[in-house]
PDB file of N, CA and C in Angstrom:
ATOM      1  N   MET A   1      13.905 115.657 -20.589  1.00  0.00           N
ATOM      2  CA  MET A   1      13.638 115.265 -21.952  1.00  0.00           C
ATOM      3  C   MET A   1      13.458 113.757 -22.070  1.00  0.00           C
ATOM      4  N   PHE A   2      14.343 112.982 -21.392  1.00  0.00           N
ATOM      5  CA  PHE A   2      14.248 111.527 -21.475  1.00  0.00           C
ATOM      6  C   PHE A   2      13.031 110.992 -20.729  1.00  0.00           C
ATOM      7  N   ALA A   3      12.564 111.701 -19.707  1.00  0.00           N
ATOM      8  CA  ALA A   3      11.385 111.265 -18.962  1.00  0.00           C
ATOM      9  C   ALA A   3      10.119 111.424 -19.802  1.00  0.00           C
ATOM     10  N   LEU A   4      10.187 112.278 -20.780  1.00  0.00           N
ATOM     11  CA  LEU A   4       9.037 112.520 -21.644  1.00  0.00           C
ATOM     12  C   LEU A   4       8.825 111.384 -22.654  1.00  0.00           C
ATOM     13  N   ARG A   5       9.873 110.718 -23.053  1.00  0.00           N
ATOM     14  CA  ARG A   5       9.767 109.644 -24.045  1.00  0.00           C
ATOM     15  C   ARG A   5       8.882 108.486 -23.583  1.00  0.00           C
ATOM     16  N   PRO A   6       9.068 107.954 -22.367  1.00  0.00           N
ATOM     17  CA  PRO A   6       8.161 106.866 -21.941  1.00  0.00           C
ATOM     18  C   PRO A   6       6.705 107.304 -21.900  1.00  0.00           C
ATOM     19  N   PHE A   7       6.466 108.547 -21.494  1.00  0.00           N
ATOM     20  CA  PHE A   7       5.107 109.064 -21.449  1.00  0.00           C
ATOM     21  C   PHE A   7       4.503 109.133 -22.852  1.00  0.00           C
ATOM     22  N   LEU A   8       5.266 109.638 -23.811  1.00  0.00           N
ATOM     23  CA  LEU A   8       4.781 109.714 -25.186  1.00  0.00           C
ATOM     24  C   LEU A   8       4.561 108.331 -25.774  1.00  0.00           C
ATOM     25  N   LEU A   9       5.443 107.405 -25.459  1.00  0.00           N
ATOM     26  CA  LEU A   9       5.283 106.031 -25.923  1.00  0.00           C
ATOM     27  C   LEU A   9       4.011 105.412 -25.345  1.00  0.00           C
ATOM     28  N   LEU A  10       3.782 105.635 -24.062  1.00  0.00           N
ATOM     29  CA  LEU A  10       2.566 105.125 -23.414  1.00  0.00           C
ATOM     30  C   LEU A  10       1.325 105.727 -24.061  1.00  0.00           C
ATOM     31  N   CYS A  11       1.347 107.028 -24.329  1.00  0.00           N
ATOM     32  CA  CYS A  11       0.209 107.681 -24.983  1.00  0.00           C
ATOM     33  C   CYS A  11      -0.033 107.095 -26.373  1.00  0.00           C
ATOM     34  N   ALA A  12       1.033 106.853 -27.113  1.00  0.00           N
ATOM     35  CA  ALA A  12       0.894 106.288 -28.452  1.00  0.00           C
ATOM     36  C   ALA A  12       0.292 104.886 -28.397  1.00  0.00           C
ATOM     37  N   VAL A  13       0.695 104.081 -27.419  1.00  0.00           N
ATOM     38  CA  VAL A  13       0.156 102.728 -27.272  1.00  0.00           C
ATOM     39  C   VAL A  13      -1.324 102.788 -26.913  1.00  0.00           C
ATOM     40  N   VAL A  14      -1.698 103.668 -26.002  1.00  0.00           N
ATOM     41  CA  VAL A  14      -3.104 103.800 -25.603  1.00  0.00           C
ATOM     42  C   VAL A  14      -3.961 104.230 -26.798  1.00  0.00           C
ATOM     43  N   VAL A  15      -3.496 105.191 -27.563  1.00  0.00           N
ATOM     44  CA  VAL A  15      -4.244 105.652 -28.733  1.00  0.00           C
ATOM     45  C   VAL A  15      -4.379 104.521 -29.750  1.00  0.00           C
ATOM     46  N   ALA A  16      -3.299 103.777 -29.979  1.00  0.00           N
ATOM     47  CA  ALA A  16      -3.353 102.660 -30.923  1.00  0.00           C
ATOM     48  C   ALA A  16      -4.357 101.610 -30.468  1.00  0.00           C
ATOM     49  N   LEU A  17      -4.384 101.317 -29.179  1.00  0.00           N
ATOM     50  CA  LEU A  17      -5.335 100.329 -28.661  1.00  0.00           C
ATOM     51  C   LEU A  17      -6.772 100.817 -28.808  1.00  0.00           C
ATOM     52  N   LEU A  18      -7.009 102.086 -28.536  1.00  0.00           N
ATOM     53  CA  LEU A  18      -8.358 102.630 -28.668  1.00  0.00           C
ATOM     54  C   LEU A  18      -8.829 102.604 -30.124  1.00  0.00           C
ATOM     55  N   LEU A  19      -7.922 102.837 -31.046  1.00  0.00           N
ATOM     56  CA  LEU A  19      -8.293 102.797 -32.463  1.00  0.00           C
ATOM     57  C   LEU A  19      -8.519 101.375 -32.954  1.00  0.00           C
ATOM     58  N   ALA A  20      -7.911 100.401 -32.289  1.00  0.00           N
ATOM     59  CA  ALA A  20      -8.034  99.007 -32.717  1.00  0.00           C
ATOM     60  C   ALA A  20      -9.295  98.331 -32.191  1.00  0.00           C
ATOM     61  N   VAL A  21      -9.927  98.893 -31.182  1.00  0.00           N
ATOM     62  CA  VAL A  21     -11.121  98.291 -30.587  1.00  0.00           C
ATOM     63  C   VAL A  21     -12.308  98.522 -31.515  1.00  0.00           C
ATOM     64  N   PRO A  22     -13.001  97.438 -31.924  1.00  0.00           N
ATOM     65  CA  PRO A  22     -14.154  97.619 -32.814  1.00  0.00           C
ATOM     66  C   PRO A  22     -15.295  98.312 -32.091  1.00  0.00           C
ATOM     67  N   ARG A  23     -15.948  99.201 -32.800  1.00  0.00           N
ATOM     68  CA  ARG A  23     -17.088  99.914 -32.258  1.00  0.00           C
ATOM     69  C   ARG A  23     -18.260  99.736 -33.209  1.00  0.00           C
ATOM     70  N   PRO A  24     -19.467  99.647 -32.679  1.00  0.00           N
ATOM     71  CA  PRO A  24     -20.618  99.512 -33.576  1.00  0.00           C
ATOM     72  C   PRO A  24     -20.817 100.787 -34.384  1.00  0.00           C
ATOM     73  N   SER A  25     -21.245 100.612 -35.600  1.00  0.00           N
ATOM     74  CA  SER A  25     -21.517 101.744 -36.468  1.00  0.00           C
ATOM     75  C   SER A  25     -22.894 102.302 -36.139  1.00  0.00           C
ATOM     76  N   SER A  26     -23.025 103.587 -36.180  1.00  0.00           N
ATOM     77  CA  SER A  26     -24.331 104.189 -35.920  1.00  0.00           C
ATOM     78  C   SER A  26     -25.165 104.276 -37.192  1.00  0.00           C
ATOM     79  N   GLY A  27     -24.586 103.914 -38.334  1.00  0.00           N
ATOM     80  CA  GLY A  27     -25.287 104.043 -39.594  1.00  0.00           C
ATOM     81  C   GLY A  27     -26.152 102.856 -39.968  1.00  0.00           C
ATOM     82  N   VAL A  28     -26.051 101.757 -39.251  1.00  0.00           N
ATOM     83  CA  VAL A  28     -26.787 100.551 -39.614  1.00  0.00           C
ATOM     84  C   VAL A  28     -27.443  99.977 -38.368  1.00  0.00           C
ATOM     85  N   GLY A  29     -28.629  99.415 -38.527  1.00  0.00           N
ATOM     86  CA  GLY A  29     -29.325  98.797 -37.410  1.00  0.00           C
ATOM     87  C   GLY A  29     -28.605  97.550 -36.932  1.00  0.00           C
ATOM     88  N   ALA A  30     -29.064  97.028 -35.828  1.00  0.00           N
ATOM     89  CA  ALA A  30     -28.435  95.859 -35.223  1.00  0.00           C
ATOM     90  C   ALA A  30     -28.724  94.599 -36.025  1.00  0.00           C
ATOM     91  N   GLU A  31     -27.731  93.713 -36.033  1.00  0.00           N
ATOM     92  CA  GLU A  31     -27.976  92.422 -36.655  1.00  0.00           C
ATOM     93  C   GLU A  31     -28.811  91.578 -35.701  1.00  0.00           C
ATOM     94  N   GLU A  32     -29.350  90.504 -36.214  1.00  0.00           N
ATOM     95  CA  GLU A  32     -30.262  89.663 -35.447  1.00  0.00           C
ATOM     96  C   GLU A  32     -29.707  88.253 -35.328  1.00  0.00           C
ATOM     97  N   ARG A  33     -29.832  87.671 -34.159  1.00  0.00           N
ATOM     98  CA  ARG A  33     -29.423  86.283 -33.916  1.00  0.00           C
ATOM     99  C   ARG A  33     -30.618  85.402 -34.256  1.00  0.00           C
ATOM    100  N   TYR A  34     -30.384  84.342 -35.028  1.00  0.00           N
ATOM    101  CA  TYR A  34     -31.467  83.469 -35.469  1.00  0.00           C
ATOM    102  C   TYR A  34     -31.029  82.017 -35.318  1.00  0.00           C
ATOM    103  N   VAL A  35     -31.890  81.194 -34.726  1.00  0.00           N
ATOM    104  CA  VAL A  35     -31.622  79.761 -34.592  1.00  0.00           C
ATOM    105  C   VAL A  35     -32.356  79.042 -35.722  1.00  0.00           C
ATOM    106  N   VAL A  36     -31.604  78.321 -36.531  1.00  0.00           N
ATOM    107  CA  VAL A  36     -32.150  77.629 -37.700  1.00  0.00           C
ATOM    108  C   VAL A  36     -33.133  76.547 -37.261  1.00  0.00           C
ATOM    109  N   ARG A  37     -34.274  76.488 -37.946  1.00  0.00           N
ATOM    110  CA  ARG A  37     -35.293  75.457 -37.701  1.00  0.00           C
ATOM    111  C   ARG A  37     -35.319  74.499 -38.884  1.00  0.00           C
ATOM    112  N   ALA A  38     -35.875  73.331 -38.655  1.00  0.00           N
ATOM    113  CA  ALA A  38     -36.001  72.338 -39.733  1.00  0.00           C
ATOM    114  C   ALA A  38     -36.760  72.960 -40.900  1.00  0.00           C
ATOM    115  N   GLY A  39     -36.248  72.786 -42.096  1.00  0.00           N
ATOM    116  CA  GLY A  39     -36.896  73.307 -43.292  1.00  0.00           C
ATOM    117  C   GLY A  39     -36.434  74.697 -43.699  1.00  0.00           C
ATOM    118  N   ASP A  40     -35.669  75.396 -42.853  1.00  0.00           N
ATOM    119  CA  ASP A  40     -35.167  76.725 -43.211  1.00  0.00           C
ATOM    120  C   ASP A  40     -34.148  76.620 -44.338  1.00  0.00           C
ATOM    121  N   THR A  41     -34.175  77.603 -45.221  1.00  0.00           N
ATOM    122  CA  THR A  41     -33.168  77.706 -46.277  1.00  0.00           C
ATOM    123  C   THR A  41     -32.602  79.125 -46.260  1.00  0.00           C
ATOM    124  N   LEU A  42     -31.386  79.278 -46.756  1.00  0.00           N
ATOM    125  CA  LEU A  42     -30.796  80.611 -46.862  1.00  0.00           C
ATOM    126  C   LEU A  42     -31.655  81.505 -47.754  1.00  0.00           C
ATOM    127  N   TRP A  43     -32.170  80.925 -48.810  1.00  0.00           N
ATOM    128  CA  TRP A  43     -32.996  81.681 -49.753  1.00  0.00           C
ATOM    129  C   TRP A  43     -34.222  82.258 -49.047  1.00  0.00           C
ATOM    130  N   ASP A  44     -34.924  81.421 -48.259  1.00  0.00           N
ATOM    131  CA  ASP A  44     -36.121  81.894 -47.545  1.00  0.00           C
ATOM    132  C   ASP A  44     -35.769  82.941 -46.491  1.00  0.00           C
ATOM    133  N   LEU A  45     -34.688  82.707 -45.745  1.00  0.00           N
ATOM    134  CA  LEU A  45     -34.277  83.680 -44.728  1.00  0.00           C
ATOM    135  C   LEU A  45     -33.935  85.025 -45.362  1.00  0.00           C
ATOM    136  N   ALA A  46     -33.219  84.982 -46.486  1.00  0.00           N
ATOM    137  CA  ALA A  46     -32.842  86.219 -47.171  1.00  0.00           C
ATOM    138  C   ALA A  46     -34.076  86.933 -47.723  1.00  0.00           C
ATOM    139  N   ALA A  47     -34.999  86.183 -48.285  1.00  0.00           N
ATOM    140  CA  ALA A  47     -36.216  86.787 -48.840  1.00  0.00           C
ATOM    141  C   ALA A  47     -37.039  87.457 -47.737  1.00  0.00           C
ATOM    142  N   GLN A  48     -37.149  86.806 -46.578  1.00  0.00           N
ATOM    143  CA  GLN A  48     -37.908  87.371 -45.457  1.00  0.00           C
ATOM    144  C   GLN A  48     -37.196  88.583 -44.871  1.00  0.00           C
ATOM    145  N   ARG A  49     -35.889  88.502 -44.781  1.00  0.00           N
ATOM    146  CA  ARG A  49     -35.108  89.547 -44.110  1.00  0.00           C
ATOM    147  C   ARG A  49     -34.903  90.783 -44.984  1.00  0.00           C
ATOM    148  N   PHE A  50     -34.589  90.574 -46.263  1.00  0.00           N
ATOM    149  CA  PHE A  50     -34.190  91.685 -47.113  1.00  0.00           C
ATOM    150  C   PHE A  50     -35.210  92.059 -48.178  1.00  0.00           C
ATOM    151  N   GLY A  51     -36.151  91.170 -48.476  1.00  0.00           N
ATOM    152  CA  GLY A  51     -37.161  91.454 -49.487  1.00  0.00           C
ATOM    153  C   GLY A  51     -36.564  91.526 -50.884  1.00  0.00           C
ATOM    154  N   GLY A  52     -37.408  91.616 -51.880  1.00  0.00           N
ATOM    155  CA  GLY A  52     -36.929  91.703 -53.255  1.00  0.00           C
ATOM    156  C   GLY A  52     -36.139  90.474 -53.669  1.00  0.00           C
ATOM    157  N   ASP A  53     -35.118  90.683 -54.476  1.00  0.00           N
ATOM    158  CA  ASP A  53     -34.265  89.601 -54.952  1.00  0.00           C
ATOM    159  C   ASP A  53     -33.374  89.125 -53.799  1.00  0.00           C
ATOM    160  N   PRO A  54     -33.520  87.865 -53.364  1.00  0.00           N
ATOM    161  CA  PRO A  54     -32.796  87.392 -52.180  1.00  0.00           C
ATOM    162  C   PRO A  54     -31.330  87.043 -52.412  1.00  0.00           C
ATOM    163  N   ARG A  55     -30.831  87.122 -53.651  1.00  0.00           N
ATOM    164  CA  ARG A  55     -29.458  86.685 -53.913  1.00  0.00           C
ATOM    165  C   ARG A  55     -28.426  87.460 -53.098  1.00  0.00           C
ATOM    166  N   GLU A  56     -28.558  88.775 -53.031  1.00  0.00           N
ATOM    167  CA  GLU A  56     -27.609  89.559 -52.224  1.00  0.00           C
ATOM    168  C   GLU A  56     -27.746  89.216 -50.750  1.00  0.00           C
ATOM    169  N   GLY A  57     -28.971  88.996 -50.288  1.00  0.00           N
ATOM    170  CA  GLY A  57     -29.190  88.610 -48.894  1.00  0.00           C
ATOM    171  C   GLY A  57     -28.541  87.280 -48.558  1.00  0.00           C
ATOM    172  N   VAL A  58     -28.642  86.305 -49.476  1.00  0.00           N
ATOM    173  CA  VAL A  58     -27.986  85.009 -49.275  1.00  0.00           C
ATOM    174  C   VAL A  58     -26.484  85.220 -49.152  1.00  0.00           C
ATOM    175  N   TRP A  59     -25.920  86.037 -50.036  1.00  0.00           N
ATOM    176  CA  TRP A  59     -24.481  86.309 -50.003  1.00  0.00           C
ATOM    177  C   TRP A  59     -24.085  86.954 -48.677  1.00  0.00           C
ATOM    178  N   ARG A  60     -24.865  87.939 -48.213  1.00  0.00           N
ATOM    179  CA  ARG A  60     -24.544  88.637 -46.959  1.00  0.00           C
ATOM    180  C   ARG A  60     -24.626  87.699 -45.757  1.00  0.00           C
ATOM    181  N   ILE A  61     -25.642  86.837 -45.710  1.00  0.00           N
ATOM    182  CA  ILE A  61     -25.780  85.885 -44.596  1.00  0.00           C
ATOM    183  C   ILE A  61     -24.614  84.901 -44.606  1.00  0.00           C
ATOM    184  N   ARG A  62     -24.281  84.381 -45.788  1.00  0.00           N
ATOM    185  CA  ARG A  62     -23.147  83.439 -45.878  1.00  0.00           C
ATOM    186  C   ARG A  62     -21.845  84.102 -45.462  1.00  0.00           C
ATOM    187  N   ALA A  63     -21.609  85.322 -45.913  1.00  0.00           N
ATOM    188  CA  ALA A  63     -20.368  86.032 -45.580  1.00  0.00           C
ATOM    189  C   ALA A  63     -20.301  86.325 -44.085  1.00  0.00           C
ATOM    190  N   ARG A  64     -21.393  86.771 -43.499  1.00  0.00           N
ATOM    191  CA  ARG A  64     -21.400  87.131 -42.070  1.00  0.00           C
ATOM    192  C   ARG A  64     -21.143  85.935 -41.178  1.00  0.00           C
ATOM    193  N   ASN A  65     -21.619  84.746 -41.602  1.00  0.00           N
ATOM    194  CA  ASN A  65     -21.514  83.553 -40.767  1.00  0.00           C
ATOM    195  C   ASN A  65     -20.423  82.594 -41.209  1.00  0.00           C
ATOM    196  N   GLY A  66     -19.683  82.951 -42.253  1.00  0.00           N
ATOM    197  CA  GLY A  66     -18.591  82.101 -42.719  1.00  0.00           C
ATOM    198  C   GLY A  66     -19.067  80.769 -43.273  1.00  0.00           C
ATOM    199  N   LEU A  67     -20.229  80.770 -43.905  1.00  0.00           N
ATOM    200  CA  LEU A  67     -20.788  79.531 -44.455  1.00  0.00           C
ATOM    201  C   LEU A  67     -20.163  79.226 -45.805  1.00  0.00           C
ATOM    202  N   GLN A  68     -19.808  77.981 -46.020  1.00  0.00           N
ATOM    203  CA  GLN A  68     -19.226  77.569 -47.294  1.00  0.00           C
ATOM    204  C   GLN A  68     -20.300  77.111 -48.281  1.00  0.00           C
ATOM    205  N   GLY A  69     -21.289  76.414 -47.794  1.00  0.00           N
ATOM    206  CA  GLY A  69     -22.349  75.904 -48.648  1.00  0.00           C
ATOM    207  C   GLY A  69     -23.668  76.573 -48.341  1.00  0.00           C
ATOM    208  N   ALA A  70     -24.724  76.023 -48.927  1.00  0.00           N
ATOM    209  CA  ALA A  70     -26.048  76.602 -48.751  1.00  0.00           C
ATOM    210  C   ALA A  70     -26.922  75.803 -47.790  1.00  0.00           C
ATOM    211  N   SER A  71     -26.460  74.617 -47.365  1.00  0.00           N
ATOM    212  CA  SER A  71     -27.305  73.803 -46.487  1.00  0.00           C
ATOM    213  C   SER A  71     -27.183  74.291 -45.048  1.00  0.00           C
ATOM    214  N   LEU A  72     -28.320  74.226 -44.352  1.00  0.00           N
ATOM    215  CA  LEU A  72     -28.391  74.655 -42.952  1.00  0.00           C
ATOM    216  C   LEU A  72     -28.795  73.479 -42.071  1.00  0.00           C
ATOM    217  N   GLN A  73     -28.234  73.425 -40.889  1.00  0.00           N
ATOM    218  CA  GLN A  73     -28.576  72.389 -39.922  1.00  0.00           C
ATOM    219  C   GLN A  73     -29.447  72.994 -38.824  1.00  0.00           C
ATOM    220  N   PRO A  74     -30.569  72.353 -38.485  1.00  0.00           N
ATOM    221  CA  PRO A  74     -31.403  72.860 -37.393  1.00  0.00           C
ATOM    222  C   PRO A  74     -30.575  73.009 -36.118  1.00  0.00           C
ATOM    223  N   GLY A  75     -30.822  74.111 -35.419  1.00  0.00           N
ATOM    224  CA  GLY A  75     -30.102  74.389 -34.177  1.00  0.00           C
ATOM    225  C   GLY A  75     -28.887  75.282 -34.374  1.00  0.00           C
ATOM    226  N   THR A  76     -28.446  75.452 -35.616  1.00  0.00           N
ATOM    227  CA  THR A  76     -27.312  76.332 -35.893  1.00  0.00           C
ATOM    228  C   THR A  76     -27.719  77.776 -35.625  1.00  0.00           C
ATOM    229  N   VAL A  77     -26.839  78.532 -34.976  1.00  0.00           N
ATOM    230  CA  VAL A  77     -27.105  79.942 -34.719  1.00  0.00           C
ATOM    231  C   VAL A  77     -26.501  80.758 -35.856  1.00  0.00           C
ATOM    232  N   LEU A  78     -27.336  81.558 -36.495  1.00  0.00           N
ATOM    233  CA  LEU A  78     -26.895  82.457 -37.554  1.00  0.00           C
ATOM    234  C   LEU A  78     -27.040  83.894 -37.075  1.00  0.00           C
ATOM    235  N   TYR A  79     -26.156  84.731 -37.551  1.00  0.00           N
ATOM    236  CA  TYR A  79     -26.270  86.168 -37.310  1.00  0.00           C
ATOM    237  C   TYR A  79     -26.695  86.797 -38.623  1.00  0.00           C
ATOM    238  N   LEU A  80     -27.903  87.343 -38.631  1.00  0.00           N
ATOM    239  CA  LEU A  80     -28.462  87.931 -39.840  1.00  0.00           C
ATOM    240  C   LEU A  80     -28.055  89.399 -39.891  1.00  0.00           C
ATOM    241  N   PRO A  81     -27.363  89.810 -40.940  1.00  0.00           N
ATOM    242  CA  PRO A  81     -26.937  91.203 -41.053  1.00  0.00           C
ATOM    243  C   PRO A  81     -28.124  92.145 -41.019  1.00  0.00           C
ATOM    244  N   ALA A  82     -27.851  93.373 -40.632  1.00  0.00           N
ATOM    245  CA  ALA A  82     -28.898  94.377 -40.573  1.00  0.00           C
ATOM    246  C   ALA A  82     -29.470  94.631 -41.957  1.00  0.00           C
ATOM    247  N   ARG A  83     -30.720  94.941 -41.984  1.00  0.00           N
ATOM    248  CA  ARG A  83     -31.367  95.294 -43.245  1.00  0.00           C
ATOM    249  C   ARG A  83     -30.841  96.659 -43.679  1.00  0.00           C
ATOM    250  N   ALA A  84     -30.833  96.889 -44.947  1.00  0.00           N
ATOM    251  CA  ALA A  84     -30.295  98.143 -45.480  1.00  0.00           C
ATOM    252  C   ALA A  84     -31.034  99.355 -44.938  1.00  0.00           C
ATOM    253  N   GLY A  85     -32.327  99.264 -44.716  1.00  0.00           N
ATOM    254  CA  GLY A  85     -33.104 100.419 -44.266  1.00  0.00           C
ATOM    255  C   GLY A  85     -33.204 100.549 -42.760  1.00  0.00           C
ATOM    256  N   ASP A  86     -32.670  99.599 -41.989  1.00  0.00           N
ATOM    257  CA  ASP A  86     -32.756  99.679 -40.524  1.00  0.00           C
ATOM    258  C   ASP A  86     -31.850 100.770 -40.000  1.00  0.00           C
ATOM    259  N   ALA A  87     -32.292 101.418 -38.966  1.00  0.00           N
ATOM    260  CA  ALA A  87     -31.455 102.447 -38.329  1.00  0.00           C
ATOM    261  C   ALA A  87     -31.461 102.309 -36.843  1.00  0.00           C
TER     262      ALA A  87
END
């Protein structure tokens, strides 16, 4: 009986670790890595990436990259979230 406890504890730890590992979602397409060029703006990137009203796209790009402001520096690497319709 006592030999079973370490085994169960080990199994519980393994299961907890497997549940904690992030896995990509199959419901959304891959995000894209983008290197900022001179003259790029969040507004333009969002409009090109998401179409329509770019305000939500600007919010998503800022949230994904932890941006505080709206200014971009050339050479900065941004991760552009997947488009809503990408699969």
